[in-house]
Amino acid sequence: MPFMLRPLKFVSALILAAFAAGCATQDPVARASGEVFDPYERTNRTVHAFNRGVDRLAFRPASKGYVAIVPEPMVTSFSHFAENLSMPGQMVNALLQGDLKLAGNALSRFLINSTVGFAGLADPASEFNVPEVDTDFGETLHTWGVGEGAYVELPFFGPSTARDAVGIGVDFFTNPLGYAEQNTADNITIYAEIVRRMGDRGNYSDTIDSILYESADSYAQSRLIYLQNRRFQLGDGEEIQEVDPFDLNTEGF
């Protein structure tokens, strides 16, 4: 394993450990009313300040430069490539959720885009009307009845919950592509995901900048958007009106 990837493996281990830290439970009545459960707010705000610093000094300028220099069709192709690499892991999660149709869609998208789509750089599966797939182990845990737990902000990954933090760590280790010889595919998956997030950060720069640098309390705003969008995605809440939850990925602030 390349030396630079070891910290990412270590961070994933910390994410799994966050489950123990986030096992505190929220009052069901408060949860049903949409209240925020943030018992570790002081620590979370410290992490948020760190993430904002990383974004301001590195990720934001790199992302803006990336979308300014790289032609838009190539940015889109790299995003398709990263999404395609995630399909085997999403298929596993769909099976764990007992959703055979979703698993079949993930497998179909992976096979079609990996062949006709030039290793995933194109998305002919969508042209063939194969539905898009967007699931993860956090959703699998939700399907199994695991509560979201405490709100947490993770270094580099951004807003999350105890349940989704575990999901991130499990997804990182359980994508079948990660078990290719010498972990070559695993490494490619990491690099592709970083490039995809750079594209998202650059394309939605104005919206993200307004949240992080123009709002009165960027921590509270990020937390609100993440929780409302995630609960809506899982069918636990109403869609937030200010931001389209399917156009803005708030992870990785």
Protein backbone atom coordinates (compact mmCIF):
# COMPACT_ATOMS: atom_id res chain seq x y z
CA MET A 1 0.00 0.00 0.00
CA PRO A 2 1.46 3.42 -0.94
CA PHE A 3 2.53 5.38 2.09
CA MET A 4 0.24 8.32 1.31
CA LEU A 5 -2.81 6.05 1.50
CA ARG A 6 -2.07 4.75 4.98
CA PRO A 7 -3.52 7.86 6.68
CA LEU A 8 -6.77 7.29 4.79
CA LYS A 9 -6.98 3.75 6.11
CA PHE A 10 -6.25 5.10 9.58
CA VAL A 11 -8.95 7.75 9.27
CA SER A 12 -11.41 5.05 8.26
CA ALA A 13 -10.53 3.10 11.38
CA LEU A 14 -11.22 6.23 13.41
CA ILE A 15 -14.58 6.57 11.70
CA LEU A 16 -15.49 3.06 12.77
CA ALA A 17 -14.43 3.95 16.29
CA ALA A 18 -16.76 6.96 16.13
CA PHE A 19 -19.65 4.53 16.44
CA ALA A 20 -18.79 4.03 20.09
CA ALA A 21 -18.59 7.79 20.62
CA GLY A 22 -21.93 8.32 18.90
CA CYS A 23 -23.92 5.61 20.59
CA ALA A 24 -25.74 8.15 22.74
CA THR A 25 -29.38 8.05 21.75
CA GLN A 26 -31.78 10.89 21.03
CA ASP A 27 -35.18 11.11 22.63
CA PRO A 28 -37.64 9.63 20.08
CA VAL A 29 -40.05 12.54 20.47
CA ALA A 30 -37.29 15.07 19.83
CA ARG A 31 -36.08 13.06 16.83
CA ALA A 32 -39.56 12.89 15.36
CA SER A 33 -39.90 16.67 15.62
CA GLY A 34 -36.71 17.12 13.59
CA GLU A 35 -34.54 18.43 16.42
CA VAL A 36 -30.76 18.21 16.13
CA PHE A 37 -28.93 15.83 18.48
CA ASP A 38 -25.43 17.27 18.85
CA PRO A 39 -23.96 16.33 22.25
CA TYR A 40 -20.40 16.78 20.95
CA GLU A 41 -20.89 20.26 19.49
CA ARG A 42 -17.72 21.73 20.99
CA THR A 43 -15.53 19.04 19.42
CA ASN A 44 -17.52 19.16 16.19
CA ARG A 45 -16.98 22.91 15.89
CA THR A 46 -13.24 22.41 16.31
CA VAL A 47 -13.25 19.84 13.52
CA HIS A 48 -15.42 22.14 11.40
CA ALA A 49 -12.89 24.96 11.80
CA PHE A 50 -10.16 22.54 10.70
CA ASN A 51 -12.17 21.44 7.66
CA ARG A 52 -12.86 25.06 6.70
CA GLY A 53 -9.15 25.77 6.90
CA VAL A 54 -8.32 22.81 4.66
CA ASP A 55 -11.00 23.93 2.22
CA ARG A 56 -9.87 27.55 2.17
CA LEU A 57 -6.17 26.81 1.79
CA ALA A 58 -6.21 23.73 -0.42
CA PHE A 59 -9.43 22.12 -1.61
CA ARG A 60 -11.29 25.27 -2.70
CA PRO A 61 -8.50 26.76 -4.84
CA ALA A 62 -7.57 23.35 -6.26
CA SER A 63 -11.18 22.62 -7.18
CA LYS A 64 -11.73 26.01 -8.79
CA GLY A 65 -8.55 25.57 -10.79
CA TYR A 66 -9.58 22.06 -11.80
CA VAL A 67 -12.96 23.07 -13.28
CA ALA A 68 -11.43 26.20 -14.85
CA ILE A 69 -8.63 24.33 -16.64
CA VAL A 70 -10.14 20.93 -17.41
CA PRO A 71 -12.85 20.95 -20.11
CA GLU A 72 -16.34 20.33 -18.74
CA PRO A 73 -16.85 17.06 -20.71
CA MET A 74 -13.71 15.65 -19.09
CA VAL A 75 -14.84 16.72 -15.61
CA THR A 76 -18.13 14.94 -16.27
CA SER A 77 -16.32 11.84 -17.56
CA PHE A 78 -14.12 11.64 -14.47
CA SER A 79 -17.23 11.90 -12.29
CA HIS A 80 -18.84 9.06 -14.25
CA PHE A 81 -15.66 7.02 -13.77
CA ALA A 82 -15.71 7.48 -9.99
CA GLU A 83 -19.41 6.69 -9.81
CA ASN A 84 -18.90 3.52 -11.84
CA LEU A 85 -16.18 2.31 -9.47
CA SER A 86 -18.65 2.65 -6.60
CA MET A 87 -21.26 0.41 -8.23
CA PRO A 88 -19.94 -2.96 -6.89
CA GLY A 89 -20.05 -1.61 -3.34
CA GLN A 90 -23.50 -0.16 -3.89
CA MET A 91 -24.65 -3.52 -5.25
CA VAL A 92 -23.45 -5.18 -2.02
CA ASN A 93 -25.38 -2.63 0.05
CA ALA A 94 -28.52 -3.15 -2.03
CA LEU A 95 -28.27 -6.90 -1.38
CA LEU A 96 -27.80 -6.27 2.34
CA GLN A 97 -30.92 -4.11 2.24
CA GLY A 98 -32.82 -6.94 0.58
CA ASP A 99 -33.45 -4.84 -2.53
CA LEU A 100 -32.73 -7.20 -5.43
CA LYS A 101 -34.00 -4.73 -8.03
CA LEU A 102 -31.62 -2.03 -6.83
CA ALA A 103 -28.75 -4.55 -6.76
CA GLY A 104 -29.59 -5.57 -10.32
CA ASN A 105 -29.57 -1.94 -11.43
CA ALA A 106 -26.15 -1.41 -9.84
CA LEU A 107 -24.75 -4.52 -11.52
CA SER A 108 -26.26 -3.56 -14.88
CA ARG A 109 -24.86 -0.04 -14.69
CA PHE A 110 -21.41 -1.36 -13.78
CA LEU A 111 -21.31 -3.92 -16.61
CA ILE A 112 -22.70 -1.57 -19.26
CA ASN A 113 -20.60 1.46 -18.34
CA SER A 114 -17.44 -0.62 -17.83
CA THR A 115 -17.70 -2.02 -21.36
CA VAL A 116 -19.74 0.17 -23.71
CA GLY A 117 -18.92 3.20 -21.58
CA PHE A 118 -15.14 2.91 -21.92
CA ALA A 119 -14.33 1.80 -18.35
CA GLY A 120 -16.99 4.09 -16.93
CA LEU A 121 -15.88 7.35 -18.54
CA ALA A 122 -19.25 7.53 -20.28
CA ASP A 123 -22.73 6.69 -19.01
CA PRO A 124 -24.57 4.70 -21.69
CA ALA A 125 -26.50 2.91 -18.92
CA SER A 126 -28.56 6.06 -18.43
CA GLU A 127 -29.25 6.20 -22.18
CA PHE A 128 -30.46 2.61 -21.89
CA ASN A 129 -32.82 3.80 -19.12
CA VAL A 130 -31.10 1.85 -16.36
CA PRO A 131 -32.08 3.74 -13.17
CA GLU A 132 -29.37 5.54 -11.24
CA VAL A 133 -28.23 3.98 -7.96
CA ASP A 134 -27.20 5.95 -4.88
CA THR A 135 -26.94 3.98 -1.66
CA ASP A 136 -24.39 3.25 1.04
CA PHE A 137 -23.85 1.30 4.24
CA GLY A 138 -25.31 4.15 6.27
CA GLU A 139 -28.59 3.55 4.44
CA THR A 140 -28.15 -0.19 4.99
CA LEU A 141 -27.91 0.41 8.73
CA HIS A 142 -31.02 2.61 8.52
CA THR A 143 -32.83 -0.24 6.75
CA TRP A 144 -31.79 -2.54 9.59
CA GLY A 145 -33.36 -0.16 12.10
CA VAL A 146 -30.20 1.49 13.43
CA GLY A 147 -30.84 5.07 14.57
CA GLU A 148 -28.79 7.95 13.21
CA GLY A 149 -27.18 8.65 16.59
CA ALA A 150 -25.32 11.83 17.40
CA TYR A 151 -24.34 14.39 14.79
CA VAL A 152 -20.60 14.39 14.14
CA GLU A 153 -18.28 16.33 11.86
CA LEU A 154 -15.43 14.19 10.56
CA PRO A 155 -11.98 15.46 9.57
CA PHE A 156 -11.82 15.83 5.76
CA PHE A 157 -15.20 14.05 5.29
CA GLY A 158 -17.35 16.78 6.82
CA PRO A 159 -20.90 16.55 8.23
CA SER A 160 -22.13 13.10 9.25
CA THR A 161 -23.87 11.14 11.98
CA ALA A 162 -22.65 8.26 14.12
CA ARG A 163 -24.51 5.84 11.85
CA ASP A 164 -23.22 7.36 8.62
CA ALA A 165 -19.69 7.59 10.01
CA VAL A 166 -19.69 3.83 10.46
CA GLY A 167 -21.15 3.55 6.97
CA ILE A 168 -18.29 5.53 5.45
CA GLY A 169 -15.72 3.29 7.10
CA VAL A 170 -17.48 0.06 6.12
CA ASP A 171 -17.99 1.22 2.52
CA PHE A 172 -14.28 2.03 2.30
CA PHE A 173 -13.28 -1.49 3.28
CA THR A 174 -16.03 -3.56 1.65
CA ASN A 175 -16.09 -2.41 -1.98
CA PRO A 176 -15.24 -5.65 -3.86
CA LEU A 177 -12.89 -3.70 -6.15
CA GLY A 178 -10.74 -2.99 -3.10
CA TYR A 179 -9.66 -6.62 -3.00
CA ALA A 180 -8.01 -6.61 -6.40
CA GLU A 181 -4.40 -7.74 -6.49
CA GLN A 182 -2.11 -5.30 -4.65
CA ASN A 183 -5.14 -3.11 -3.97
CA THR A 184 -4.58 -1.32 -7.29
CA ALA A 185 -8.30 -0.87 -7.88
CA ASP A 186 -8.74 0.29 -4.29
CA ASN A 187 -6.18 3.04 -4.85
CA ILE A 188 -7.78 4.08 -8.13
CA THR A 189 -11.14 4.30 -6.35
CA ILE A 190 -9.68 6.71 -3.79
CA TYR A 191 -8.05 8.94 -6.41
CA ALA A 192 -11.18 8.93 -8.58
CA GLU A 193 -13.38 9.90 -5.62
CA ILE A 194 -11.08 12.79 -4.74
CA VAL A 195 -11.23 14.05 -8.34
CA ARG A 196 -15.03 13.66 -8.37
CA ARG A 197 -15.35 15.71 -5.19
CA MET A 198 -13.08 18.36 -6.69
CA GLY A 199 -15.46 18.58 -9.63
CA ASP A 200 -18.46 18.92 -7.32
CA ARG A 201 -16.67 21.53 -5.19
CA GLY A 202 -15.75 23.54 -8.25
CA ASN A 203 -19.13 23.29 -9.97
CA TYR A 204 -21.08 24.27 -6.85
CA SER A 205 -18.50 26.75 -5.63
CA ASP A 206 -20.85 29.72 -5.17
CA THR A 207 -23.38 27.73 -3.15
CA ILE A 208 -20.79 26.06 -0.94
CA ASP A 209 -18.88 29.32 -0.43
CA SER A 210 -22.07 31.04 0.71
CA ILE A 211 -22.60 28.31 3.31
CA LEU A 212 -19.03 28.13 4.57
CA TYR A 213 -17.91 31.74 4.34
CA GLU A 214 -20.96 34.00 4.13
CA SER A 215 -23.44 32.53 6.63
CA ALA A 216 -23.55 33.82 10.20
CA ASP A 217 -22.80 30.35 11.58
CA SER A 218 -21.36 28.03 8.93
CA TYR A 219 -21.27 25.11 11.36
CA ALA A 220 -24.98 25.31 12.17
CA GLN A 221 -25.88 25.89 8.52
CA SER A 222 -23.84 22.90 7.32
CA ARG A 223 -25.33 20.73 10.05
CA LEU A 224 -28.89 21.76 9.16
CA ILE A 225 -28.45 21.15 5.44
CA TYR A 226 -26.77 17.78 5.95
CA LEU A 227 -29.33 16.44 8.43
CA GLN A 228 -32.38 17.64 6.50
CA ASN A 229 -31.07 16.33 3.18
CA ARG A 230 -29.98 12.99 4.63
CA ARG A 231 -33.28 12.46 6.44
CA PHE A 232 -35.15 13.32 3.26
CA GLN A 233 -33.00 10.87 1.29
CA LEU A 234 -33.81 8.10 3.77
CA GLY A 235 -37.49 9.01 3.89
CA ASP A 236 -37.33 10.40 7.43
CA GLY A 237 -38.00 14.07 6.78
CA GLU A 238 -39.13 16.79 4.43
CA GLU A 239 -36.98 18.10 1.62
CA ILE A 240 -35.12 21.30 2.45
CA GLN A 241 -36.32 24.09 0.19
CA GLU A 242 -33.22 26.29 -0.01
CA VAL A 243 -30.92 23.66 -1.53
CA ASP A 244 -31.72 20.76 -3.85
CA PRO A 245 -30.58 17.69 -1.88
CA PHE A 246 -29.72 15.82 -5.06
CA ASP A 247 -27.57 18.59 -6.51
CA LEU A 248 -25.42 19.36 -3.48
CA ASN A 249 -23.30 16.82 -1.63
CA THR A 250 -22.36 18.43 1.67
CA GLU A 251 -19.88 15.73 2.67
CA GLY A 252 -16.26 16.72 2.46
CA PHE A 253 -16.58 20.39 3.45
